N, C-alpha and C. Protein backbone atom coordinates (compact mmCIF):
# COMPACT_ATOMS: atom_id res chain seq x y z
N MET A 1 0.85 -1.18 0.00
CA MET A 1 0.00 0.00 0.00
C MET A 1 0.90 1.24 0.00
N PRO A 2 0.70 2.20 -0.94
CA PRO A 2 1.56 3.39 -1.01
C PRO A 2 1.29 4.33 0.16
N VAL A 3 2.35 4.96 0.63
CA VAL A 3 2.25 5.92 1.72
C VAL A 3 1.92 7.28 1.12
N PRO A 4 0.87 7.95 1.60
CA PRO A 4 0.53 9.27 1.03
C PRO A 4 1.63 10.27 1.34
N SER A 5 1.96 11.06 0.35
CA SER A 5 2.99 12.09 0.54
C SER A 5 2.37 13.27 1.26
N PRO A 6 3.16 13.96 2.10
CA PRO A 6 2.60 15.13 2.80
C PRO A 6 2.24 16.23 1.83
N SER A 7 1.14 16.85 2.08
CA SER A 7 0.66 17.93 1.22
C SER A 7 1.44 19.21 1.48
N ALA A 8 1.75 19.96 0.44
CA ALA A 8 2.48 21.22 0.59
C ALA A 8 1.59 22.31 1.19
N SER A 9 0.27 22.14 1.09
CA SER A 9 -0.62 23.17 1.59
C SER A 9 -0.87 23.07 3.09
N SER A 10 -0.58 21.92 3.69
CA SER A 10 -0.80 21.78 5.13
C SER A 10 0.54 21.54 5.82
N PRO A 11 1.08 22.59 6.46
CA PRO A 11 2.38 22.43 7.10
C PRO A 11 2.27 21.55 8.34
N SER A 12 3.30 20.75 8.56
CA SER A 12 3.33 19.92 9.76
C SER A 12 3.82 20.75 10.93
N PRO A 13 3.60 20.28 12.16
CA PRO A 13 3.99 21.09 13.33
C PRO A 13 5.46 21.46 13.37
N GLY A 14 6.36 20.65 12.80
CA GLY A 14 7.79 20.94 12.84
C GLY A 14 8.25 21.88 11.74
N ASP A 15 7.41 22.10 10.72
CA ASP A 15 7.81 22.96 9.60
C ASP A 15 7.80 24.42 10.00
N PRO A 16 8.69 25.24 9.39
CA PRO A 16 8.64 26.67 9.67
C PRO A 16 7.36 27.27 9.11
N ALA A 17 6.96 28.41 9.65
CA ALA A 17 5.75 29.08 9.18
C ALA A 17 5.91 29.48 7.72
N PRO A 18 4.82 29.42 6.95
CA PRO A 18 4.91 29.84 5.55
C PRO A 18 5.33 31.31 5.46
N GLU A 19 5.93 31.64 4.36
CA GLU A 19 6.40 33.02 4.16
C GLU A 19 5.22 33.96 3.98
N LEU A 20 5.51 35.24 4.02
CA LEU A 20 4.48 36.26 3.84
C LEU A 20 3.96 36.24 2.41
N SER A 21 2.71 36.62 2.25
CA SER A 21 2.11 36.70 0.92
C SER A 21 2.66 37.92 0.18
N ALA A 22 2.40 37.98 -1.10
CA ALA A 22 2.85 39.12 -1.91
C ALA A 22 2.21 40.41 -1.40
N GLN A 23 0.94 40.36 -1.00
CA GLN A 23 0.26 41.55 -0.50
C GLN A 23 0.87 42.00 0.83
N GLU A 24 1.20 41.06 1.70
CA GLU A 24 1.81 41.41 2.98
C GLU A 24 3.19 42.04 2.78
N LEU A 25 3.96 41.50 1.85
CA LEU A 25 5.27 42.08 1.53
C LEU A 25 5.11 43.48 0.94
N ALA A 26 4.08 43.67 0.11
CA ALA A 26 3.83 44.98 -0.48
C ALA A 26 3.44 46.00 0.60
N ILE A 27 2.68 45.56 1.60
CA ILE A 27 2.30 46.45 2.70
C ILE A 27 3.54 46.89 3.46
N LEU A 28 4.43 45.96 3.77
CA LEU A 28 5.66 46.31 4.48
C LEU A 28 6.53 47.25 3.64
N ALA A 29 6.62 46.97 2.35
CA ALA A 29 7.44 47.83 1.47
C ALA A 29 6.85 49.24 1.39
N LEU A 30 5.54 49.34 1.28
CA LEU A 30 4.89 50.65 1.21
C LEU A 30 5.09 51.41 2.51
N GLU A 31 5.01 50.71 3.63
CA GLU A 31 5.15 51.37 4.93
C GLU A 31 6.58 51.86 5.14
N GLY A 32 7.53 51.26 4.47
CA GLY A 32 8.92 51.68 4.60
C GLY A 32 9.26 52.91 3.75
N ARG A 33 8.36 53.30 2.87
CA ARG A 33 8.60 54.47 2.01
C ARG A 33 8.20 55.77 2.69
N THR A 34 8.72 56.87 2.17
CA THR A 34 8.32 58.20 2.65
C THR A 34 7.51 58.87 1.55
N PHE A 35 6.51 59.63 1.94
CA PHE A 35 5.64 60.31 0.98
C PHE A 35 5.72 61.80 1.23
N ARG A 36 5.86 62.56 0.15
CA ARG A 36 6.06 64.00 0.26
C ARG A 36 4.78 64.80 0.31
N TYR A 37 3.73 64.29 -0.29
CA TYR A 37 2.52 65.09 -0.43
C TYR A 37 1.36 64.48 0.34
N VAL A 38 0.45 65.35 0.78
CA VAL A 38 -0.75 64.90 1.50
C VAL A 38 -1.58 64.03 0.56
N GLY A 39 -1.98 62.88 1.04
CA GLY A 39 -2.81 61.98 0.24
C GLY A 39 -2.03 61.02 -0.64
N ALA A 40 -0.71 61.19 -0.74
CA ALA A 40 0.07 60.33 -1.62
C ALA A 40 0.09 58.88 -1.11
N LYS A 41 0.18 58.72 0.21
CA LYS A 41 0.20 57.37 0.77
C LYS A 41 -1.14 56.68 0.56
N GLU A 42 -2.24 57.41 0.77
CA GLU A 42 -3.55 56.82 0.58
C GLU A 42 -3.76 56.41 -0.88
N ARG A 43 -3.27 57.22 -1.80
CA ARG A 43 -3.37 56.89 -3.22
C ARG A 43 -2.55 55.64 -3.53
N ALA A 44 -1.35 55.55 -2.96
CA ALA A 44 -0.51 54.38 -3.19
C ALA A 44 -1.16 53.12 -2.61
N ILE A 45 -1.82 53.25 -1.48
CA ILE A 45 -2.52 52.11 -0.88
C ILE A 45 -3.58 51.60 -1.84
N ARG A 46 -4.38 52.51 -2.38
CA ARG A 46 -5.44 52.11 -3.31
C ARG A 46 -4.88 51.54 -4.61
N GLU A 47 -3.88 52.22 -5.20
CA GLU A 47 -3.39 51.83 -6.51
C GLU A 47 -2.46 50.62 -6.48
N GLU A 48 -1.58 50.55 -5.48
CA GLU A 48 -0.57 49.49 -5.46
C GLU A 48 -1.02 48.25 -4.70
N ILE A 49 -1.74 48.45 -3.62
CA ILE A 49 -2.17 47.33 -2.80
C ILE A 49 -3.58 46.88 -3.19
N GLY A 50 -4.42 47.84 -3.57
CA GLY A 50 -5.77 47.52 -4.03
C GLY A 50 -6.77 47.29 -2.91
N ILE A 51 -6.53 47.92 -1.75
CA ILE A 51 -7.47 47.81 -0.64
C ILE A 51 -7.73 49.20 -0.07
N SER A 52 -8.74 49.31 0.78
CA SER A 52 -9.05 50.61 1.37
C SER A 52 -8.00 50.96 2.43
N LYS A 53 -8.00 52.22 2.82
CA LYS A 53 -7.07 52.69 3.84
C LYS A 53 -7.30 51.97 5.17
N VAL A 54 -8.56 51.78 5.53
CA VAL A 54 -8.89 51.11 6.79
C VAL A 54 -8.40 49.66 6.76
N ALA A 55 -8.66 48.96 5.66
CA ALA A 55 -8.22 47.57 5.53
C ALA A 55 -6.69 47.49 5.58
N TYR A 56 -6.02 48.47 4.99
CA TYR A 56 -4.56 48.51 5.00
C TYR A 56 -4.03 48.58 6.43
N TYR A 57 -4.59 49.49 7.23
CA TYR A 57 -4.09 49.65 8.60
C TYR A 57 -4.46 48.47 9.49
N VAL A 58 -5.58 47.82 9.21
CA VAL A 58 -5.92 46.60 9.95
C VAL A 58 -4.89 45.51 9.64
N ARG A 59 -4.57 45.34 8.35
CA ARG A 59 -3.57 44.33 7.95
C ARG A 59 -2.20 44.67 8.49
N LEU A 60 -1.84 45.96 8.46
CA LEU A 60 -0.54 46.39 8.96
C LEU A 60 -0.41 46.09 10.45
N ASN A 61 -1.44 46.41 11.23
CA ASN A 61 -1.40 46.12 12.66
C ASN A 61 -1.25 44.64 12.93
N ALA A 62 -1.93 43.81 12.16
CA ALA A 62 -1.80 42.36 12.32
C ALA A 62 -0.39 41.91 11.96
N LEU A 63 0.19 42.53 10.93
CA LEU A 63 1.56 42.19 10.52
C LEU A 63 2.58 42.54 11.60
N LEU A 64 2.35 43.61 12.32
CA LEU A 64 3.30 44.02 13.36
C LEU A 64 3.41 42.98 14.47
N ASP A 65 2.38 42.17 14.63
CA ASP A 65 2.39 41.12 15.64
C ASP A 65 2.78 39.76 15.06
N ASP A 66 3.07 39.70 13.78
CA ASP A 66 3.38 38.44 13.10
C ASP A 66 4.89 38.22 13.09
N PRO A 67 5.37 37.09 13.63
CA PRO A 67 6.81 36.83 13.65
C PRO A 67 7.43 36.73 12.25
N ARG A 68 6.63 36.36 11.24
CA ARG A 68 7.15 36.29 9.87
C ARG A 68 7.51 37.68 9.37
N ALA A 69 6.71 38.68 9.72
CA ALA A 69 7.00 40.06 9.32
C ALA A 69 8.25 40.55 10.03
N LEU A 70 8.43 40.16 11.27
CA LEU A 70 9.62 40.55 12.02
C LEU A 70 10.86 39.96 11.37
N ARG A 71 10.77 38.73 10.87
CA ARG A 71 11.92 38.12 10.17
C ARG A 71 12.16 38.79 8.83
N ALA A 72 11.09 39.22 8.15
CA ALA A 72 11.22 39.82 6.82
C ALA A 72 11.78 41.24 6.87
N ALA A 73 11.35 42.03 7.86
CA ALA A 73 11.77 43.44 7.94
C ALA A 73 11.90 43.84 9.41
N PRO A 74 12.95 43.37 10.10
CA PRO A 74 13.04 43.61 11.55
C PRO A 74 13.11 45.08 11.94
N ALA A 75 13.90 45.87 11.25
CA ALA A 75 14.04 47.29 11.62
C ALA A 75 12.72 48.03 11.46
N LEU A 76 12.04 47.79 10.35
CA LEU A 76 10.75 48.45 10.09
C LEU A 76 9.71 48.04 11.13
N VAL A 77 9.61 46.75 11.42
CA VAL A 77 8.61 46.28 12.37
C VAL A 77 8.89 46.85 13.76
N HIS A 78 10.15 46.87 14.18
CA HIS A 78 10.48 47.44 15.50
C HIS A 78 10.14 48.93 15.55
N ARG A 79 10.45 49.65 14.48
CA ARG A 79 10.15 51.08 14.44
C ARG A 79 8.64 51.33 14.52
N LEU A 80 7.88 50.56 13.76
CA LEU A 80 6.43 50.73 13.76
C LEU A 80 5.80 50.30 15.07
N ARG A 81 6.34 49.25 15.69
CA ARG A 81 5.84 48.84 17.00
C ARG A 81 6.08 49.95 18.03
N GLY A 82 7.25 50.58 17.96
CA GLY A 82 7.55 51.68 18.87
C GLY A 82 6.62 52.86 18.67
N ARG A 83 6.31 53.15 17.43
CA ARG A 83 5.38 54.25 17.13
C ARG A 83 3.99 53.91 17.63
N ARG A 84 3.58 52.67 17.48
CA ARG A 84 2.26 52.25 17.93
C ARG A 84 2.14 52.38 19.45
N VAL A 85 3.19 52.03 20.18
CA VAL A 85 3.18 52.15 21.63
C VAL A 85 3.15 53.61 22.04
N SER A 86 3.96 54.46 21.42
CA SER A 86 4.01 55.86 21.82
C SER A 86 2.72 56.59 21.49
N GLU A 87 2.02 56.21 20.45
CA GLU A 87 0.76 56.87 20.10
C GLU A 87 -0.35 56.50 21.08
N HIS A 88 -0.22 55.37 21.74
CA HIS A 88 -1.23 54.96 22.72
C HIS A 88 -0.97 55.58 24.08
N GLY A 89 0.10 56.36 24.21
CA GLY A 89 0.36 57.06 25.44
C GLY A 89 1.01 56.23 26.52
N GLU A 90 1.60 55.08 26.15
CA GLU A 90 2.22 54.24 27.15
C GLU A 90 3.61 54.71 27.53
N ILE A 91 4.19 55.59 26.76
CA ILE A 91 5.49 56.16 27.07
C ILE A 91 5.25 57.52 27.72
N PRO A 92 5.87 57.79 28.86
CA PRO A 92 5.62 59.07 29.55
C PRO A 92 6.01 60.27 28.68
N ARG A 93 5.24 61.33 28.82
CA ARG A 93 5.52 62.57 28.09
C ARG A 93 6.69 63.29 28.72
N ARG A 94 7.32 64.15 27.95
CA ARG A 94 8.43 64.95 28.49
C ARG A 94 7.92 65.93 29.53
N GLY A 95 8.71 66.11 30.57
CA GLY A 95 8.36 67.08 31.58
C GLY A 95 7.18 66.70 32.42
N GLY A 96 6.85 65.42 32.44
CA GLY A 96 5.69 64.96 33.20
C GLY A 96 5.85 65.21 34.68
N ASP A 97 6.04 64.15 35.45
CA ASP A 97 6.15 64.27 36.91
C ASP A 97 7.60 64.17 37.37
N ARG A 98 8.53 64.51 36.51
CA ARG A 98 9.95 64.39 36.91
C ARG A 98 10.31 65.45 37.92
N VAL A 99 11.18 65.07 38.83
CA VAL A 99 11.60 66.01 39.87
C VAL A 99 12.89 66.69 39.46
N ALA A 100 13.83 65.95 38.93
CA ALA A 100 15.14 66.52 38.64
C ALA A 100 15.23 67.09 37.27
């Protein structure tokens, strides 16, 4: 009786996580760019990624917590994670309750 070969679509527990999709890589690449004009990033999101601005930021936030994204672009993910923390007010403001 032939032994069934493992399917490429179902990773086994010991296999590394599948790589990021083309859209996820495009989101990381777009987030690493700088935009000079108001609305340029939103236009790039629509034209290059093909999703709404809200969907883009939902996917981006999910990517920031994904270890595959951290392996793909560690500096970018760390920078964006730091920005996400500081925008939520978890880092103390300057001149807060300091004594010295």
